[in-house]
Amino acid sequence: MQIVSSVVASLFCIVGMFVNNDLKEIPKEGKGYEFGEVKYYVVLVAIAIMWQIYFIGTVGVIFCSTSLLAGVIVAVMVPVTEILAVVFYHESFKYEKGIVVFLSLWGFMSYFYGDYMKAKKQSSELDPGENFPSRNQLAVI
């Protein structure tokens, strides 16, 4: 499924670039790249490879765990990316980034709080014979 969605998204982008004649702009951008044309193409290929690794990793998380956890990891990457952009690229931290970071962290914390409450409810519903002994009971034994 991931391969199909990646191929469709890539084809959609390529068709859009072809219709707008954007494919002709890539060599111009490469020549104008401050580190040289070869490094421009290396950066393009490296970014494409890194995105594929990212999406394969997301599918791996879905396969080994749940899609909810994959969504949480993606939600955590948003504020991390924003903060790293401010630190390393010296971007300005405007209110839009603040809202994005706040909402992403809020969703992340809500997920873990809900998981904590679910685990707490499940542990309180156990029969008394199924509970683990407390510290006081272990001291007596």
N, C-alpha and C. Protein backbone atom coordinates (compact mmCIF):
# COMPACT_ATOMS: atom_id res chain seq x y z
N MET A 1 0.83 -1.20 0.00
CA MET A 1 0.00 0.00 0.00
C MET A 1 0.87 1.26 0.00
N GLN A 2 1.94 1.22 0.78
CA GLN A 2 2.83 2.39 0.85
C GLN A 2 3.49 2.63 -0.50
N ILE A 3 3.87 1.56 -1.18
CA ILE A 3 4.52 1.71 -2.48
C ILE A 3 3.55 2.34 -3.47
N VAL A 4 2.31 1.90 -3.46
CA VAL A 4 1.31 2.45 -4.38
C VAL A 4 1.10 3.93 -4.12
N SER A 5 0.95 4.32 -2.85
CA SER A 5 0.73 5.74 -2.55
C SER A 5 1.96 6.58 -2.90
N SER A 6 3.14 6.03 -2.69
CA SER A 6 4.37 6.77 -3.04
C SER A 6 4.49 6.94 -4.55
N VAL A 7 4.19 5.90 -5.30
CA VAL A 7 4.26 5.98 -6.77
C VAL A 7 3.23 6.96 -7.30
N VAL A 8 2.00 6.89 -6.79
CA VAL A 8 0.95 7.81 -7.25
C VAL A 8 1.32 9.25 -6.92
N ALA A 9 1.83 9.49 -5.72
CA ALA A 9 2.23 10.85 -5.34
C ALA A 9 3.37 11.34 -6.21
N SER A 10 4.34 10.49 -6.48
CA SER A 10 5.46 10.88 -7.34
C SER A 10 4.98 11.19 -8.76
N LEU A 11 4.13 10.35 -9.31
CA LEU A 11 3.61 10.59 -10.65
C LEU A 11 2.78 11.87 -10.71
N PHE A 12 1.99 12.11 -9.67
CA PHE A 12 1.19 13.33 -9.61
C PHE A 12 2.09 14.56 -9.64
N CYS A 13 3.17 14.53 -8.87
CA CYS A 13 4.10 15.66 -8.84
C CYS A 13 4.83 15.83 -10.16
N ILE A 14 5.23 14.72 -10.76
CA ILE A 14 5.95 14.80 -12.04
C ILE A 14 5.04 15.34 -13.14
N VAL A 15 3.79 14.89 -13.17
CA VAL A 15 2.85 15.40 -14.17
C VAL A 15 2.62 16.90 -13.96
N GLY A 16 2.45 17.31 -12.71
CA GLY A 16 2.28 18.73 -12.42
C GLY A 16 3.49 19.55 -12.83
N MET A 17 4.67 19.03 -12.58
CA MET A 17 5.88 19.74 -13.00
C MET A 17 5.99 19.78 -14.52
N PHE A 18 5.57 18.72 -15.20
CA PHE A 18 5.63 18.68 -16.65
C PHE A 18 4.64 19.68 -17.25
N VAL A 19 3.43 19.75 -16.70
CA VAL A 19 2.41 20.66 -17.20
C VAL A 19 2.85 22.12 -17.04
N ASN A 20 3.49 22.44 -15.91
CA ASN A 20 3.92 23.82 -15.65
C ASN A 20 5.31 24.13 -16.19
N ASN A 21 5.91 23.21 -16.92
CA ASN A 21 7.27 23.37 -17.45
C ASN A 21 8.30 23.61 -16.35
N ASP A 22 8.05 23.05 -15.19
CA ASP A 22 9.00 23.19 -14.08
C ASP A 22 10.22 22.32 -14.25
N LEU A 23 10.13 21.27 -15.05
CA LEU A 23 11.29 20.40 -15.25
C LEU A 23 12.45 21.14 -15.93
N LYS A 24 12.12 22.18 -16.71
CA LYS A 24 13.15 22.99 -17.36
C LYS A 24 13.89 23.88 -16.37
N GLU A 25 13.27 24.12 -15.21
CA GLU A 25 13.86 25.00 -14.21
C GLU A 25 14.92 24.31 -13.37
N ILE A 26 14.89 22.98 -13.30
CA ILE A 26 15.84 22.26 -12.45
C ILE A 26 17.28 22.51 -12.88
N PRO A 27 17.62 22.42 -14.16
CA PRO A 27 19.01 22.74 -14.53
C PRO A 27 19.41 24.19 -14.22
N LYS A 28 18.45 25.12 -14.37
CA LYS A 28 18.74 26.53 -14.05
C LYS A 28 19.02 26.69 -12.56
N GLU A 29 18.21 26.02 -11.72
CA GLU A 29 18.43 26.09 -10.28
C GLU A 29 19.77 25.46 -9.91
N GLY A 30 20.11 24.37 -10.59
CA GLY A 30 21.39 23.71 -10.33
C GLY A 30 22.57 24.60 -10.65
N LYS A 31 22.49 25.34 -11.74
CA LYS A 31 23.58 26.24 -12.11
C LYS A 31 23.69 27.41 -11.15
N GLY A 32 22.56 27.82 -10.58
CA GLY A 32 22.56 28.94 -9.65
C GLY A 32 22.80 28.55 -8.21
N TYR A 33 22.93 27.25 -7.95
CA TYR A 33 23.14 26.77 -6.57
C TYR A 33 24.52 27.20 -6.09
N GLU A 34 24.58 27.78 -4.91
CA GLU A 34 25.84 28.39 -4.44
C GLU A 34 26.97 27.39 -4.19
N PHE A 35 26.65 26.12 -4.01
CA PHE A 35 27.69 25.12 -3.75
C PHE A 35 28.07 24.33 -5.00
N GLY A 36 27.47 24.65 -6.12
CA GLY A 36 27.80 23.98 -7.37
C GLY A 36 26.67 23.10 -7.86
N GLU A 37 26.69 22.86 -9.16
CA GLU A 37 25.63 22.10 -9.80
C GLU A 37 25.61 20.64 -9.38
N VAL A 38 26.79 20.04 -9.23
CA VAL A 38 26.87 18.64 -8.84
C VAL A 38 26.28 18.44 -7.44
N LYS A 39 26.63 19.33 -6.51
CA LYS A 39 26.10 19.21 -5.15
C LYS A 39 24.59 19.44 -5.12
N TYR A 40 24.08 20.24 -6.04
CA TYR A 40 22.63 20.45 -6.12
C TYR A 40 21.93 19.13 -6.42
N TYR A 41 22.43 18.42 -7.40
CA TYR A 41 21.82 17.13 -7.75
C TYR A 41 22.03 16.09 -6.65
N VAL A 42 23.16 16.14 -5.98
CA VAL A 42 23.40 15.24 -4.85
C VAL A 42 22.38 15.52 -3.75
N VAL A 43 22.12 16.78 -3.48
CA VAL A 43 21.13 17.15 -2.46
C VAL A 43 19.74 16.67 -2.86
N LEU A 44 19.36 16.83 -4.14
CA LEU A 44 18.06 16.37 -4.60
C LEU A 44 17.90 14.86 -4.42
N VAL A 45 18.91 14.11 -4.81
CA VAL A 45 18.85 12.66 -4.68
C VAL A 45 18.84 12.25 -3.21
N ALA A 46 19.66 12.90 -2.38
CA ALA A 46 19.71 12.57 -0.95
C ALA A 46 18.37 12.85 -0.28
N ILE A 47 17.73 13.95 -0.63
CA ILE A 47 16.42 14.27 -0.05
C ILE A 47 15.39 13.21 -0.46
N ALA A 48 15.41 12.81 -1.74
CA ALA A 48 14.47 11.79 -2.20
C ALA A 48 14.69 10.47 -1.46
N ILE A 49 15.94 10.09 -1.26
CA ILE A 49 16.23 8.84 -0.54
C ILE A 49 15.80 8.95 0.92
N MET A 50 16.08 10.08 1.55
CA MET A 50 15.70 10.25 2.96
C MET A 50 14.19 10.22 3.14
N TRP A 51 13.42 10.80 2.22
CA TRP A 51 11.97 10.75 2.32
C TRP A 51 11.47 9.32 2.19
N GLN A 52 12.07 8.55 1.29
CA GLN A 52 11.65 7.16 1.14
C GLN A 52 11.96 6.36 2.40
N ILE A 53 13.12 6.59 3.00
CA ILE A 53 13.47 5.92 4.25
C ILE A 53 12.48 6.31 5.35
N TYR A 54 12.12 7.58 5.40
CA TYR A 54 11.16 8.06 6.38
C TYR A 54 9.81 7.34 6.22
N PHE A 55 9.32 7.26 4.98
CA PHE A 55 8.03 6.62 4.76
C PHE A 55 8.08 5.12 5.02
N ILE A 56 9.18 4.48 4.67
CA ILE A 56 9.32 3.05 4.96
C ILE A 56 9.37 2.83 6.47
N GLY A 57 10.04 3.71 7.19
CA GLY A 57 10.06 3.63 8.65
C GLY A 57 8.68 3.80 9.25
N THR A 58 7.89 4.71 8.68
CA THR A 58 6.52 4.90 9.16
C THR A 58 5.69 3.64 8.93
N VAL A 59 5.86 3.03 7.77
CA VAL A 59 5.14 1.78 7.50
C VAL A 59 5.61 0.69 8.46
N GLY A 60 6.91 0.66 8.77
CA GLY A 60 7.41 -0.31 9.74
C GLY A 60 6.80 -0.13 11.11
N VAL A 61 6.62 1.13 11.53
CA VAL A 61 5.98 1.38 12.83
C VAL A 61 4.53 0.91 12.79
N ILE A 62 3.84 1.16 11.68
CA ILE A 62 2.46 0.70 11.56
C ILE A 62 2.40 -0.82 11.60
N PHE A 63 3.33 -1.47 10.91
CA PHE A 63 3.33 -2.93 10.85
C PHE A 63 3.65 -3.54 12.22
N CYS A 64 4.63 -2.96 12.92
CA CYS A 64 5.06 -3.53 14.20
C CYS A 64 4.22 -3.06 15.38
N SER A 65 3.53 -1.95 15.23
CA SER A 65 2.75 -1.41 16.34
C SER A 65 1.37 -1.04 15.83
N THR A 66 1.06 0.26 15.85
CA THR A 66 -0.25 0.72 15.38
C THR A 66 -0.08 1.97 14.53
N SER A 67 -1.10 2.25 13.76
CA SER A 67 -1.07 3.48 12.95
C SER A 67 -1.18 4.70 13.86
N LEU A 68 -1.79 4.53 15.02
CA LEU A 68 -1.88 5.64 15.97
C LEU A 68 -0.49 6.06 16.44
N LEU A 69 0.34 5.08 16.78
CA LEU A 69 1.71 5.40 17.19
C LEU A 69 2.48 6.06 16.06
N ALA A 70 2.28 5.59 14.83
CA ALA A 70 2.95 6.22 13.69
C ALA A 70 2.50 7.68 13.56
N GLY A 71 1.21 7.92 13.77
CA GLY A 71 0.71 9.30 13.74
C GLY A 71 1.30 10.15 14.84
N VAL A 72 1.48 9.57 16.01
CA VAL A 72 2.09 10.31 17.12
C VAL A 72 3.54 10.66 16.79
N ILE A 73 4.26 9.72 16.22
CA ILE A 73 5.66 9.99 15.86
C ILE A 73 5.73 11.09 14.81
N VAL A 74 4.85 11.05 13.83
CA VAL A 74 4.81 12.10 12.81
C VAL A 74 4.47 13.44 13.46
N ALA A 75 3.53 13.43 14.41
CA ALA A 75 3.15 14.67 15.10
C ALA A 75 4.30 15.22 15.92
N VAL A 76 5.14 14.36 16.46
CA VAL A 76 6.29 14.81 17.25
C VAL A 76 7.36 15.40 16.33
N MET A 77 7.46 14.89 15.13
CA MET A 77 8.48 15.38 14.21
C MET A 77 8.23 16.83 13.78
N VAL A 78 6.98 17.26 13.81
CA VAL A 78 6.67 18.64 13.40
C VAL A 78 7.35 19.66 14.31
N PRO A 79 7.14 19.61 15.64
CA PRO A 79 7.83 20.60 16.47
C PRO A 79 9.34 20.42 16.48
N VAL A 80 9.80 19.18 16.38
CA VAL A 80 11.25 18.96 16.35
C VAL A 80 11.85 19.63 15.12
N THR A 81 11.20 19.48 13.97
CA THR A 81 11.68 20.10 12.74
C THR A 81 11.66 21.62 12.86
N GLU A 82 10.59 22.16 13.42
CA GLU A 82 10.50 23.62 13.57
C GLU A 82 11.59 24.16 14.48
N ILE A 83 11.81 23.48 15.58
CA ILE A 83 12.82 23.95 16.54
C ILE A 83 14.23 23.82 15.96
N LEU A 84 14.50 22.71 15.27
CA LEU A 84 15.81 22.54 14.65
C LEU A 84 16.05 23.57 13.55
N ALA A 85 15.00 23.95 12.83
CA ALA A 85 15.15 24.98 11.80
C ALA A 85 15.51 26.32 12.42
N VAL A 86 14.93 26.61 13.58
CA VAL A 86 15.26 27.86 14.27
C VAL A 86 16.70 27.82 14.78
N VAL A 87 17.12 26.68 15.32
CA VAL A 87 18.46 26.57 15.91
C VAL A 87 19.55 26.56 14.83
N PHE A 88 19.39 25.71 13.82
CA PHE A 88 20.47 25.53 12.85
C PHE A 88 20.41 26.48 11.67
N TYR A 89 19.22 26.86 11.22
CA TYR A 89 19.10 27.75 10.06
C TYR A 89 18.77 29.18 10.45
N HIS A 90 18.67 29.44 11.74
CA HIS A 90 18.41 30.78 12.28
C HIS A 90 17.14 31.40 11.68
N GLU A 91 16.12 30.56 11.51
CA GLU A 91 14.83 31.07 11.05
C GLU A 91 14.15 31.81 12.20
N SER A 92 13.29 32.73 11.84
CA SER A 92 12.57 33.45 12.89
C SER A 92 11.44 32.57 13.42
N PHE A 93 11.21 32.66 14.71
CA PHE A 93 10.18 31.87 15.37
C PHE A 93 8.95 32.75 15.52
N LYS A 94 8.12 32.78 14.48
CA LYS A 94 6.93 33.61 14.48
C LYS A 94 5.77 32.86 15.13
N TYR A 95 4.64 33.55 15.24
CA TYR A 95 3.50 32.97 15.94
C TYR A 95 2.97 31.71 15.25
N GLU A 96 3.12 31.62 13.91
CA GLU A 96 2.65 30.41 13.22
C GLU A 96 3.40 29.18 13.71
N LYS A 97 4.70 29.31 13.84
CA LYS A 97 5.50 28.19 14.33
C LYS A 97 5.16 27.88 15.78
N GLY A 98 4.90 28.90 16.55
CA GLY A 98 4.52 28.69 17.94
C GLY A 98 3.22 27.92 18.05
N ILE A 99 2.26 28.25 17.20
CA ILE A 99 0.97 27.54 17.21
C ILE A 99 1.17 26.10 16.78
N VAL A 100 1.98 25.88 15.76
CA VAL A 100 2.24 24.52 15.27
C VAL A 100 2.90 23.68 16.37
N VAL A 101 3.91 24.25 17.01
CA VAL A 101 4.61 23.52 18.06
C VAL A 101 3.65 23.22 19.22
N PHE A 102 2.86 24.22 19.61
CA PHE A 102 1.92 24.02 20.71
C PHE A 102 0.91 22.93 20.40
N LEU A 103 0.29 22.99 19.23
CA LEU A 103 -0.73 21.99 18.89
C LEU A 103 -0.13 20.59 18.75
N SER A 104 1.06 20.49 18.19
CA SER A 104 1.69 19.18 18.05
C SER A 104 2.04 18.59 19.41
N LEU A 105 2.61 19.41 20.27
CA LEU A 105 2.95 18.91 21.60
C LEU A 105 1.70 18.60 22.42
N TRP A 106 0.66 19.38 22.25
CA TRP A 106 -0.61 19.12 22.93
C TRP A 106 -1.17 17.76 22.50
N GLY A 107 -1.16 17.48 21.20
CA GLY A 107 -1.63 16.19 20.71
C GLY A 107 -0.77 15.05 21.23
N PHE A 108 0.53 15.27 21.27
CA PHE A 108 1.46 14.25 21.76
C PHE A 108 1.19 13.95 23.23
N MET A 109 1.05 14.99 24.03
CA MET A 109 0.80 14.80 25.46
C MET A 109 -0.58 14.19 25.70
N SER A 110 -1.57 14.56 24.89
CA SER A 110 -2.90 13.99 25.03
C SER A 110 -2.88 12.49 24.76
N TYR A 111 -2.10 12.07 23.77
CA TYR A 111 -1.99 10.65 23.47
C TYR A 111 -1.44 9.89 24.67
N PHE A 112 -0.35 10.39 25.25
CA PHE A 112 0.25 9.68 26.37
C PHE A 112 -0.60 9.76 27.64
N TYR A 113 -1.30 10.87 27.84
CA TYR A 113 -2.20 10.96 28.98
C TYR A 113 -3.35 9.97 28.84
N GLY A 114 -3.90 9.87 27.64
CA GLY A 114 -4.98 8.91 27.40
C GLY A 114 -4.50 7.48 27.58
N ASP A 115 -3.29 7.18 27.14
CA ASP A 115 -2.73 5.85 27.32
C ASP A 115 -2.50 5.56 28.81
N TYR A 116 -2.04 6.57 29.54
CA TYR A 116 -1.83 6.42 30.98
C TYR A 116 -3.15 6.15 31.70
N MET A 117 -4.19 6.90 31.34
CA MET A 117 -5.49 6.70 31.98
C MET A 117 -6.08 5.34 31.63
N LYS A 118 -5.88 4.89 30.40
CA LYS A 118 -6.37 3.57 30.00
C LYS A 118 -5.67 2.47 30.79
N ALA A 119 -4.35 2.59 30.96
CA ALA A 119 -3.61 1.59 31.73
C ALA A 119 -4.02 1.62 33.20
N LYS A 120 -4.26 2.80 33.72
CA LYS A 120 -4.69 2.93 35.11
C LYS A 120 -6.06 2.30 35.32
N LYS A 121 -6.96 2.51 34.37
CA LYS A 121 -8.30 1.93 34.47
C LYS A 121 -8.23 0.41 34.37
N GLN A 122 -7.40 -0.10 33.49
CA GLN A 122 -7.27 -1.55 33.34
C GLN A 122 -6.68 -2.18 34.60
N SER A 123 -5.72 -1.52 35.21
CA SER A 123 -5.12 -2.09 36.42
C SER A 123 -6.08 -2.05 37.60
N SER A 124 -6.98 -1.08 37.65
CA SER A 124 -7.95 -1.03 38.75
C SER A 124 -9.08 -2.04 38.54
N GLU A 125 -9.29 -2.50 37.32
CA GLU A 125 -10.34 -3.47 37.05
C GLU A 125 -9.89 -4.91 37.28
N LEU A 126 -8.63 -5.14 37.55
CA LEU A 126 -8.14 -6.50 37.81
C LEU A 126 -8.72 -7.03 39.12
N ASP A 127 -8.90 -8.31 39.19
CA ASP A 127 -9.34 -8.93 40.44
C ASP A 127 -8.23 -8.79 41.47
N PRO A 128 -8.59 -8.73 42.76
CA PRO A 128 -7.56 -8.58 43.79
C PRO A 128 -6.51 -9.69 43.75
N GLY A 129 -6.89 -10.89 43.36
CA GLY A 129 -5.93 -11.99 43.30
C GLY A 129 -4.95 -11.85 42.15
N GLU A 130 -5.28 -11.02 41.15
CA GLU A 130 -4.41 -10.86 39.99
C GLU A 130 -3.40 -9.73 40.16
N ASN A 131 -3.59 -8.89 41.16
CA ASN A 131 -2.67 -7.76 41.36
C ASN A 131 -1.33 -8.26 41.87
N PHE A 132 -0.32 -7.52 41.54
CA PHE A 132 1.00 -7.82 42.07
C PHE A 132 1.06 -7.42 43.53
N PRO A 133 1.86 -8.10 44.35
CA PRO A 133 1.95 -7.72 45.76
C PRO A 133 2.57 -6.33 45.92
N SER A 134 2.11 -5.61 46.92
CA SER A 134 2.66 -4.29 47.18
C SER A 134 3.97 -4.42 47.95
N ARG A 135 4.62 -3.29 48.19
CA ARG A 135 5.89 -3.30 48.94
C ARG A 135 5.69 -3.83 50.36
N ASN A 136 4.58 -3.45 50.99
CA ASN A 136 4.33 -3.90 52.35
C ASN A 136 4.15 -5.41 52.41
N GLN A 137 3.46 -5.95 51.43
CA GLN A 137 3.25 -7.39 51.39
C GLN A 137 4.57 -8.11 51.13
N LEU A 138 5.44 -7.54 50.31
CA LEU A 138 6.73 -8.17 50.04
C LEU A 138 7.61 -8.15 51.29
N ALA A 139 7.50 -7.08 52.08
CA ALA A 139 8.33 -6.98 53.30
C ALA A 139 7.93 -8.04 54.31
N VAL A 140 6.64 -8.39 54.36
CA VAL A 140 6.15 -9.40 55.28
C VAL A 140 6.63 -10.80 54.85
N ILE A 141 6.65 -11.02 53.57
CA ILE A 141 7.05 -12.33 53.05
C ILE A 141 8.51 -12.51 53.29
